[in-house]
Amino acid sequence: MKNKDKLRHVSHTNEWLEHIYETIIQKDEKEYAFVEMNIKQFRYINIEYGCAFGDHVLVSMQQLLETQLKGRGYVARRYADTFDFFVEHNHETHVLDSFLMDIIDAVFENGIEGLHKNLYTSFGIYLLHEECPPFAKLQTLAGIARKQLHHDRRTFSYELAQQDVVQEYLKTYRLSTKLTQARFLNQFQIYIQPKVELQTHKICGGELLMRWILEDGTKVPLNEFMSTFTKNGDLYMIDLQHFDKMCAFLQQRIKKHKAVVPISFNVTNLTVFDGDFLQDYLGTFRQYSLPKDLIEFEFTEDIHFEKKDQVQDIIDIFRSEGFTCTLDDFGNGFSSFDLLMNAAIDIIKLDRLFFQGMLSEQRKRVIHNIIDIAKIKGIKVLAEGVETKEYARFVEAEGCDYIQGFYYYRPMPLGEFEKLLDSDKILPYTMDDK
């Protein structure tokens, strides 16, 4: 205990805490947990109350932690609002009961004026009985755990730096690296899923989709990478690149007096709120001599819920430019009917969820009513994800305008789609029509 007391009175720096760790390892005292603690939304405190008050909070927090850990641990502020500490831990007891709840309660019940019961915290925890890595790695592992946070509660959140948590983190960032590499290797290829006009049963358009094809021809399933793809910024670059390629493709066919059909492009939550979105897409389109109604933008339903006014402004700009605008995934979100009643759009795509399972009388009535409302609003309807003859015939009888799904065509490489354009299976759009 004398050595512990001596160490406690040394300046509480990161180097001091590393020395503590070396002492713990030398004495084989593995009844400790290493914890990274962060004050949530600390920037708000600095902005709302001023930096001087923020500094006061940090000093108070250091003192509070020292009091809580007295006789059982060591603490140092590593940087800003992040604190590291070692604390004695009974490995047969859950961390919440062993030490964490005591600290959480003390922080929550702090005596700081204005912040009593208003300081929330997050924790990343490494249990030393499993292994004693180098100190820098120990901090890294605890930091990774804190940012993974599967145990997220209203006033606090925590995560243990267990093998599965670390592997999840590594998998995500390794995948992000692979996705960037794949972009430069041109492994993201254009696929098109045809759209069929129900009145003529001919192809009247196509939706541009993206597929990741490895060098050996393996197609990577979308659900294995799309969530990471949307976060790292590569998706926007690929979408814009594919938009450029399709504009060039349509221009070349028109110059050769070959038939074309309108192509639709998905606009995701990530894309629509990019500051350069309008300039990038309009600037790219203006490089080509194309009729504007050859281009359709499909706005996914989830981007509208909280920022529908901003999205509607963007839709209005595209429609004023002469482009067709579609509400994708209709029915698969909270704001679908609000948008149907109030938004200025050209087409709604009924989500595939309407066409899964048995075609019951209740389902028929729901689909009928949506199509009926759309007709009253002057909005055309496309049934998406139709896979059976029963559903295809039903939506046709209900007056649905277009259909898209495996019953007619699966997504296909651009080369295969071009062969369809050269066949008699399309409802052609040519410059002669204009």
Protein backbone atom coordinates (compact mmCIF):
# COMPACT_ATOMS: atom_id res chain seq x y z
CA MET A 1 0.00 0.00 0.00
CA LYS A 2 2.92 2.37 0.63
CA ASN A 3 3.97 2.12 -3.01
CA LYS A 4 0.40 2.84 -4.06
CA ASP A 5 0.19 5.92 -1.81
CA LYS A 6 3.53 7.17 -3.14
CA LEU A 7 2.36 6.85 -6.71
CA ARG A 8 -0.90 8.67 -6.01
CA HIS A 9 0.87 11.84 -4.99
CA VAL A 10 2.85 12.12 -8.23
CA SER A 11 1.49 14.47 -10.92
CA HIS A 12 -1.48 12.79 -12.61
CA THR A 13 -0.23 12.66 -16.19
CA ASN A 14 -0.47 10.07 -18.91
CA GLU A 15 3.17 9.15 -18.31
CA TRP A 16 2.42 8.73 -14.60
CA LEU A 17 -0.48 6.41 -15.39
CA GLU A 18 1.76 4.38 -17.69
CA HIS A 19 4.21 4.02 -14.82
CA ILE A 20 1.33 2.82 -12.64
CA TYR A 21 0.54 0.20 -15.27
CA GLU A 22 4.12 -1.04 -15.39
CA THR A 23 4.06 -1.37 -11.61
CA ILE A 24 0.80 -3.32 -11.74
CA ILE A 25 2.23 -5.70 -14.34
CA GLN A 26 5.48 -6.20 -12.43
CA LYS A 27 3.57 -7.14 -9.31
CA ASP A 28 1.18 -9.29 -11.36
CA GLU A 29 -1.76 -7.34 -9.90
CA LYS A 30 -4.33 -8.26 -12.51
CA GLU A 31 -7.34 -7.53 -10.33
CA TYR A 32 -7.72 -4.22 -12.19
CA ALA A 33 -9.79 -2.85 -15.01
CA PHE A 34 -8.49 -0.09 -17.27
CA VAL A 35 -11.16 2.44 -18.23
CA GLU A 36 -11.39 5.28 -20.75
CA MET A 37 -14.13 7.71 -19.70
CA ASN A 38 -15.49 10.55 -21.80
CA ILE A 39 -18.00 13.28 -20.97
CA LYS A 40 -20.69 13.23 -23.62
CA GLN A 41 -21.41 16.45 -25.55
CA PHE A 42 -18.75 18.40 -23.69
CA ARG A 43 -18.55 20.89 -26.56
CA TYR A 44 -22.06 21.98 -25.61
CA ILE A 45 -20.82 22.94 -22.13
CA ASN A 46 -18.02 25.06 -23.61
CA ILE A 47 -20.41 26.78 -26.02
CA GLU A 48 -23.26 27.29 -23.56
CA TYR A 49 -21.28 28.27 -20.46
CA GLY A 50 -17.89 29.31 -21.81
CA CYS A 51 -14.47 27.67 -21.87
CA ALA A 52 -13.54 28.91 -18.38
CA PHE A 53 -16.53 27.08 -16.94
CA GLY A 54 -15.63 24.06 -19.05
CA ASP A 55 -12.15 24.05 -17.53
CA HIS A 56 -13.74 24.21 -14.08
CA VAL A 57 -15.85 21.17 -14.93
CA LEU A 58 -12.78 19.20 -15.97
CA VAL A 59 -10.92 20.06 -12.76
CA SER A 60 -13.98 19.13 -10.74
CA MET A 61 -14.28 15.86 -12.63
CA GLN A 62 -10.64 15.01 -11.93
CA GLN A 63 -11.21 15.63 -8.22
CA LEU A 64 -14.42 13.62 -8.23
CA LEU A 65 -12.72 10.63 -9.85
CA GLU A 66 -9.79 10.82 -7.47
CA THR A 67 -12.25 10.74 -4.57
CA GLN A 68 -14.14 7.79 -6.04
CA LEU A 69 -10.96 5.83 -6.75
CA LYS A 70 -9.18 6.60 -3.49
CA GLY A 71 -7.75 3.40 -2.09
CA ARG A 72 -8.73 1.35 -5.13
CA GLY A 73 -7.41 3.02 -8.26
CA TYR A 74 -5.53 5.69 -10.18
CA VAL A 75 -6.77 8.35 -12.60
CA ALA A 76 -5.28 10.83 -15.08
CA ARG A 77 -6.85 13.16 -17.63
CA ARG A 78 -5.39 12.15 -20.97
CA TYR A 79 -6.73 15.03 -23.08
CA ALA A 80 -9.73 17.38 -23.28
CA ASP A 81 -12.72 15.66 -21.63
CA THR A 82 -11.26 12.15 -21.71
CA PHE A 83 -10.00 10.49 -18.53
CA ASP A 84 -8.16 7.20 -18.09
CA PHE A 85 -8.10 5.23 -14.88
CA PHE A 86 -7.23 1.88 -13.34
CA VAL A 87 -9.66 0.54 -10.76
CA GLU A 88 -9.66 -2.63 -8.69
CA HIS A 89 -12.17 -5.10 -10.06
CA ASN A 90 -13.54 -8.40 -8.83
CA HIS A 91 -13.60 -10.44 -12.02
CA GLU A 92 -16.33 -12.66 -10.67
CA THR A 93 -18.63 -9.62 -10.50
CA HIS A 94 -20.13 -7.66 -13.39
CA VAL A 95 -18.39 -4.34 -13.97
CA LEU A 96 -21.58 -2.41 -13.18
CA ASP A 97 -21.71 -3.93 -9.69
CA SER A 98 -17.96 -4.05 -9.19
CA PHE A 99 -17.13 -0.38 -9.74
CA LEU A 100 -18.85 1.27 -12.69
CA MET A 101 -22.24 2.22 -11.22
CA ASP A 102 -20.57 3.90 -8.23
CA ILE A 103 -18.63 6.15 -10.60
CA ILE A 104 -21.60 6.76 -12.90
CA ASP A 105 -23.79 7.77 -9.96
CA ALA A 106 -21.12 10.06 -8.54
CA VAL A 107 -20.67 11.84 -11.87
CA PHE A 108 -24.45 12.11 -12.38
CA GLU A 109 -24.96 13.49 -8.87
CA ASN A 110 -22.09 15.97 -9.25
CA GLY A 111 -22.27 19.16 -7.23
CA ILE A 112 -21.41 21.45 -10.13
CA GLU A 113 -23.94 24.26 -10.33
CA GLY A 114 -26.04 23.99 -13.48
CA LEU A 115 -24.82 20.49 -14.32
CA HIS A 116 -26.25 18.46 -11.43
CA LYS A 117 -27.78 15.34 -13.04
CA ASN A 118 -26.84 16.69 -16.44
CA LEU A 119 -23.41 15.13 -17.06
CA TYR A 120 -23.58 11.98 -19.16
CA THR A 121 -20.64 9.66 -19.71
CA SER A 122 -19.32 6.88 -21.93
CA PHE A 123 -16.82 4.19 -20.93
CA GLY A 124 -14.52 1.75 -22.69
CA ILE A 125 -13.27 -0.99 -20.37
CA TYR A 126 -10.39 -3.45 -20.62
CA LEU A 127 -10.17 -6.20 -17.98
CA LEU A 128 -6.54 -6.94 -17.14
CA HIS A 129 -7.05 -10.52 -16.06
CA GLU A 130 -7.37 -11.56 -19.70
CA GLU A 131 -4.09 -10.09 -20.99
CA CYS A 132 -1.73 -7.18 -20.29
CA PRO A 133 -0.89 -5.53 -23.64
CA PRO A 134 1.51 -2.57 -23.95
CA PHE A 135 0.07 0.59 -22.42
CA ALA A 136 -0.48 2.39 -25.74
CA LYS A 137 -2.38 -0.61 -27.09
CA LEU A 138 -4.35 -0.82 -23.86
CA GLN A 139 -5.54 2.75 -24.37
CA THR A 140 -6.35 2.03 -28.01
CA LEU A 141 -8.43 -1.05 -27.17
CA ALA A 142 -10.38 0.77 -24.47
CA GLY A 143 -10.98 3.66 -26.88
CA ILE A 144 -12.26 1.27 -29.56
CA ALA A 145 -14.65 -0.30 -27.07
CA ARG A 146 -15.98 3.06 -25.93
CA LYS A 147 -16.86 4.02 -29.50
CA GLN A 148 -18.56 0.69 -30.30
CA LEU A 149 -21.07 0.98 -27.44
CA HIS A 150 -23.53 -1.88 -27.51
CA HIS A 151 -24.61 -1.01 -23.95
CA ASP A 152 -26.11 2.44 -24.48
CA ARG A 153 -28.40 3.87 -21.83
CA ARG A 154 -29.91 7.31 -21.41
CA THR A 155 -27.37 8.72 -18.94
CA PHE A 156 -24.35 6.55 -19.70
CA SER A 157 -22.97 3.97 -22.09
CA TYR A 158 -20.19 1.42 -21.85
CA GLU A 159 -18.55 -1.45 -23.68
CA LEU A 160 -15.97 -4.07 -22.75
CA ALA A 161 -12.91 -4.41 -24.97
CA GLN A 162 -13.58 -8.05 -25.72
CA GLN A 163 -12.28 -9.89 -28.74
CA ASP A 164 -15.56 -9.71 -30.68
CA VAL A 165 -15.85 -5.95 -30.13
CA VAL A 166 -12.31 -5.33 -31.34
CA GLN A 167 -12.79 -7.62 -34.32
CA GLU A 168 -15.98 -5.77 -35.27
CA TYR A 169 -14.07 -2.51 -35.25
CA LEU A 170 -11.19 -3.95 -37.28
CA LYS A 171 -13.57 -5.54 -39.76
CA THR A 172 -15.32 -2.23 -40.39
CA TYR A 173 -12.13 -0.29 -41.06
CA ARG A 174 -10.50 -3.05 -43.08
CA LEU A 175 -13.63 -3.15 -45.23
CA SER A 176 -13.54 0.64 -45.61
CA THR A 177 -9.97 0.36 -46.91
CA LYS A 178 -10.96 -2.40 -49.35
CA LEU A 179 -13.87 -0.35 -50.64
CA THR A 180 -11.63 2.60 -51.43
CA GLN A 181 -9.17 0.31 -53.18
CA ALA A 182 -12.02 -1.29 -55.14
CA ARG A 183 -13.16 2.13 -56.31
CA PHE A 184 -9.75 2.87 -57.82
CA LEU A 185 -9.66 -0.62 -59.36
CA ASN A 186 -13.05 0.06 -61.04
CA GLN A 187 -14.61 -2.99 -59.37
CA PHE A 188 -17.96 -1.25 -58.89
CA GLN A 189 -19.86 -2.02 -62.05
CA ILE A 190 -23.07 -0.63 -63.48
CA TYR A 191 -26.10 -2.90 -63.45
CA ILE A 192 -29.52 -1.93 -64.82
CA GLN A 193 -32.90 -3.29 -63.80
CA PRO A 194 -35.48 -2.65 -66.53
CA LYS A 195 -38.83 -1.01 -65.87
CA VAL A 196 -41.86 -2.22 -67.79
CA GLU A 197 -44.87 -0.18 -68.89
CA LEU A 198 -47.94 -2.23 -68.02
CA GLN A 199 -50.06 -0.89 -70.89
CA THR A 200 -47.66 -2.25 -73.54
CA HIS A 201 -45.60 -4.77 -71.51
CA LYS A 202 -42.49 -3.24 -73.05
CA ILE A 203 -39.38 -1.87 -71.34
CA CYS A 204 -39.87 1.84 -70.78
CA GLY A 205 -36.86 2.63 -68.57
CA GLY A 206 -34.18 1.29 -66.33
CA GLU A 207 -32.82 1.86 -62.83
CA LEU A 208 -29.06 2.15 -62.43
CA LEU A 209 -27.73 -0.09 -59.68
CA MET A 210 -24.20 -0.80 -58.49
CA ARG A 211 -22.54 -4.17 -57.94
CA TRP A 212 -19.11 -4.93 -56.46
CA ILE A 213 -17.42 -7.49 -58.70
CA LEU A 214 -14.02 -8.82 -57.60
CA GLU A 215 -11.21 -9.61 -60.03
CA ASP A 216 -12.12 -13.32 -59.98
CA GLY A 217 -15.72 -12.51 -60.89
CA THR A 218 -17.13 -12.94 -57.38
CA LYS A 219 -20.07 -10.66 -56.67
CA VAL A 220 -19.98 -9.28 -53.12
CA PRO A 221 -23.49 -9.17 -51.57
CA LEU A 222 -24.71 -5.63 -50.93
CA ASN A 223 -25.58 -6.34 -47.30
CA GLU A 224 -21.93 -7.12 -46.58
CA PHE A 225 -20.62 -3.67 -47.41
CA MET A 226 -23.36 -1.12 -48.07
CA SER A 227 -23.63 0.24 -44.51
CA THR A 228 -19.87 0.89 -44.45
CA PHE A 229 -19.96 2.22 -48.00
CA THR A 230 -22.49 4.89 -47.10
CA LYS A 231 -20.35 6.15 -44.21
CA ASN A 232 -16.90 6.46 -45.77
CA GLY A 233 -17.79 8.78 -48.67
CA ASP A 234 -16.92 6.38 -51.50
CA LEU A 235 -20.57 5.79 -52.39
CA TYR A 236 -21.06 9.42 -53.41
CA MET A 237 -17.99 9.29 -55.65
CA ILE A 238 -19.17 6.06 -57.30
CA ASP A 239 -22.72 7.37 -57.79
CA LEU A 240 -21.41 10.51 -59.49
CA GLN A 241 -19.00 8.52 -61.63
CA HIS A 242 -21.77 6.15 -62.75
CA PHE A 243 -24.06 9.10 -63.48
CA ASP A 244 -21.38 10.50 -65.78
CA LYS A 245 -20.89 7.13 -67.50
CA MET A 246 -24.61 6.68 -68.13
CA CYS A 247 -24.98 10.18 -69.55
CA ALA A 248 -22.12 9.39 -71.93
CA PHE A 249 -23.72 6.02 -72.78
CA LEU A 250 -27.06 7.63 -73.65
CA GLN A 251 -25.38 10.36 -75.68
CA GLN A 252 -23.41 7.84 -77.73
CA ARG A 253 -26.53 5.80 -78.55
CA ILE A 254 -28.44 8.91 -79.58
CA LYS A 255 -25.59 9.99 -81.87
CA LYS A 256 -25.75 6.55 -83.50
CA HIS A 257 -29.54 6.91 -83.88
CA LYS A 258 -30.12 3.96 -81.55
CA ALA A 259 -33.07 3.62 -79.21
CA VAL A 260 -32.77 4.73 -75.61
CA VAL A 261 -35.05 4.77 -72.56
CA PRO A 262 -35.00 6.99 -69.45
CA ILE A 263 -32.57 5.91 -66.74
CA SER A 264 -33.16 6.53 -63.04
CA PHE A 265 -30.50 7.22 -60.43
CA ASN A 266 -30.84 6.66 -56.69
CA VAL A 267 -30.37 9.66 -54.43
CA THR A 268 -29.48 8.51 -50.92
CA ASN A 269 -29.48 10.29 -47.58
CA LEU A 270 -25.71 10.67 -47.91
CA THR A 271 -25.94 12.09 -51.42
CA VAL A 272 -28.75 14.60 -51.09
CA PHE A 273 -27.21 16.44 -48.14
CA ASP A 274 -23.75 16.69 -49.65
CA GLY A 275 -23.05 20.37 -50.13
CA ASP A 276 -21.91 19.86 -53.73
CA PHE A 277 -24.77 17.56 -54.75
CA LEU A 278 -26.71 19.95 -57.00
CA GLN A 279 -23.63 21.48 -58.57
CA ASP A 280 -21.99 18.10 -59.19
CA TYR A 281 -24.98 16.43 -60.84
CA LEU A 282 -26.21 19.40 -62.83
CA GLY A 283 -22.65 20.23 -63.88
CA THR A 284 -22.09 16.66 -65.07
CA PHE A 285 -25.37 16.51 -66.98
CA ARG A 286 -24.70 19.79 -68.79
CA GLN A 287 -21.59 18.29 -70.40
CA TYR A 288 -23.87 16.12 -72.55
CA SER A 289 -26.51 16.94 -75.15
CA LEU A 290 -29.35 14.92 -73.66
CA PRO A 291 -33.09 15.45 -73.37
CA LYS A 292 -33.74 16.09 -69.69
CA ASP A 293 -36.63 13.64 -69.47
CA LEU A 294 -34.15 10.83 -70.11
CA ILE A 295 -32.93 11.38 -66.55
CA GLU A 296 -34.92 10.39 -63.46
CA PHE A 297 -33.86 10.84 -59.84
CA GLU A 298 -35.21 8.41 -57.24
CA PHE A 299 -35.24 9.86 -53.74
CA THR A 300 -35.23 7.16 -51.11
CA GLU A 301 -38.08 7.57 -48.64
CA ASP A 302 -35.91 7.70 -45.50
CA ILE A 303 -34.19 10.96 -46.45
CA HIS A 304 -37.42 12.92 -46.08
CA PHE A 305 -38.57 12.29 -42.54
CA GLU A 306 -36.71 15.03 -40.66
CA LYS A 307 -35.58 17.31 -43.49
CA LYS A 308 -38.44 17.05 -45.95
CA ASP A 309 -38.56 20.80 -46.61
CA GLN A 310 -34.91 20.86 -47.64
CA VAL A 311 -35.35 17.75 -49.78
CA GLN A 312 -38.46 19.21 -51.41
CA ASP A 313 -36.44 22.29 -52.36
CA ILE A 314 -33.94 20.04 -54.11
CA ILE A 315 -36.73 18.10 -55.84
CA ASP A 316 -38.26 21.37 -56.99
CA ILE A 317 -34.94 22.44 -58.52
CA PHE A 318 -34.56 19.19 -60.43
CA ARG A 319 -38.16 19.27 -61.63
CA SER A 320 -37.74 22.88 -62.75
CA GLU A 321 -34.71 21.72 -64.72
CA GLY A 322 -36.95 19.20 -66.50
CA PHE A 323 -35.92 16.00 -64.71
CA THR A 324 -38.39 13.37 -63.48
CA CYS A 325 -38.40 12.89 -59.69
CA THR A 326 -39.57 9.70 -58.00
CA LEU A 327 -40.25 8.81 -54.38
CA ASP A 328 -38.61 5.42 -53.86
CA ASP A 329 -39.58 2.79 -51.25
CA PHE A 330 -43.04 4.26 -50.76
CA GLY A 331 -44.68 2.70 -47.71
CA ASN A 332 -41.43 1.71 -46.04
CA GLY A 333 -41.22 4.70 -43.71
CA PHE A 334 -43.04 7.16 -41.49
CA SER A 335 -43.43 10.01 -43.96
CA SER A 336 -44.74 8.23 -47.06
CA PHE A 337 -48.34 9.45 -46.97
CA ASP A 338 -47.38 12.94 -45.88
CA LEU A 339 -45.17 13.15 -48.94
CA LEU A 340 -47.82 11.65 -51.19
CA MET A 341 -50.31 14.29 -50.12
CA ASN A 342 -48.00 17.31 -49.99
CA ALA A 343 -44.85 16.76 -52.05
CA ALA A 344 -44.37 17.74 -55.69
CA ILE A 345 -43.19 14.47 -57.24
CA ASP A 346 -43.83 12.68 -60.52
CA ILE A 347 -43.81 8.99 -59.58
CA ILE A 348 -44.07 6.86 -56.46
CA LYS A 349 -42.51 3.40 -56.30
CA LEU A 350 -44.56 1.09 -54.13
CA ASP A 351 -42.10 -0.73 -51.89
CA ARG A 352 -41.61 -4.46 -52.35
CA LEU A 353 -43.16 -5.07 -48.92
CA PHE A 354 -46.59 -4.66 -50.57
CA PHE A 355 -45.89 -7.63 -52.84
CA GLN A 356 -44.57 -10.16 -50.35
CA GLY A 357 -46.74 -12.91 -48.93
CA MET A 358 -50.28 -13.84 -49.88
CA LEU A 359 -52.35 -11.42 -51.95
CA SER A 360 -55.15 -11.11 -49.40
CA GLU A 361 -58.29 -9.02 -49.76
CA GLN A 362 -56.95 -6.60 -47.17
CA ARG A 363 -53.69 -6.19 -49.08
CA LYS A 364 -55.62 -5.64 -52.28
CA ARG A 365 -57.60 -2.83 -50.68
CA VAL A 366 -54.47 -1.12 -49.37
CA ILE A 367 -52.73 -1.23 -52.75
CA HIS A 368 -55.93 -0.12 -54.53
CA ASN A 369 -56.35 2.88 -52.23
CA ILE A 370 -52.74 4.04 -52.65
CA ILE A 371 -52.97 3.84 -56.43
CA ASP A 372 -56.30 5.66 -56.30
CA ILE A 373 -54.86 8.50 -54.20
CA ALA A 374 -51.87 8.79 -56.52
CA LYS A 375 -54.17 9.09 -59.53
CA ILE A 376 -56.14 11.86 -57.83
CA LYS A 377 -52.84 13.68 -57.21
CA GLY A 378 -51.73 13.16 -60.81
CA ILE A 379 -48.80 11.00 -59.72
CA LYS A 380 -47.83 7.87 -61.62
CA VAL A 381 -47.23 4.57 -59.79
CA LEU A 382 -44.55 1.93 -60.22
CA ALA A 383 -44.84 -1.42 -58.44
CA GLU A 384 -41.35 -2.44 -57.28
CA GLY A 385 -40.15 -5.90 -56.34
CA VAL A 386 -42.95 -7.84 -58.07
CA GLU A 387 -41.97 -11.48 -58.41
CA THR A 388 -45.18 -13.38 -59.17
CA LYS A 389 -47.74 -13.45 -61.98
CA GLU A 390 -50.56 -12.98 -59.45
CA TYR A 391 -49.23 -9.65 -58.23
CA ALA A 392 -48.23 -8.53 -61.74
CA ARG A 393 -51.73 -9.11 -63.07
CA PHE A 394 -53.33 -7.48 -60.02
CA VAL A 395 -51.40 -4.19 -60.21
CA GLU A 396 -52.02 -4.06 -63.96
CA ALA A 397 -55.76 -4.44 -63.40
CA GLU A 398 -55.61 -1.71 -60.74
CA GLY A 399 -54.20 0.76 -63.23
CA CYS A 400 -50.61 0.82 -62.01
CA ASP A 401 -48.44 2.51 -64.65
CA TYR A 402 -45.15 0.63 -64.39
CA ILE A 403 -43.72 -2.51 -62.88
CA GLN A 404 -40.22 -3.56 -61.87
CA GLY A 405 -39.13 -6.86 -60.43
CA PHE A 406 -37.85 -10.38 -60.95
CA TYR A 407 -41.11 -11.45 -62.60
CA TYR A 408 -40.01 -9.48 -65.65
CA TYR A 409 -36.28 -8.77 -65.34
CA ARG A 410 -33.51 -9.07 -62.78
CA PRO A 411 -30.74 -6.45 -62.57
CA MET A 412 -28.25 -7.08 -65.37
CA PRO A 413 -24.85 -5.78 -66.55
CA LEU A 414 -24.98 -2.75 -68.79
CA GLY A 415 -23.93 -4.86 -71.79
CA GLU A 416 -26.96 -7.13 -71.42
CA PHE A 417 -29.26 -4.16 -71.01
CA GLU A 418 -27.87 -2.66 -74.20
CA LYS A 419 -28.86 -5.83 -76.07
CA LEU A 420 -32.42 -5.32 -74.82
CA LEU A 421 -32.32 -1.74 -76.11
CA ASP A 422 -31.45 -3.14 -79.54
CA SER A 423 -34.39 -5.58 -79.43
CA ASP A 424 -38.11 -5.21 -79.97
CA LYS A 425 -38.80 -5.57 -76.24
CA ILE A 426 -38.55 -1.86 -75.51
CA LEU A 427 -40.86 1.08 -75.75
CA PRO A 428 -38.26 3.28 -77.46
CA TYR A 429 -37.48 6.86 -76.73
CA THR A 430 -35.58 8.42 -79.61
CA MET A 431 -34.71 11.94 -80.65
CA ASP A 432 -37.20 11.55 -83.47
CA ASP A 433 -39.97 11.45 -80.84
CA LYS A 434 -39.06 15.04 -79.94
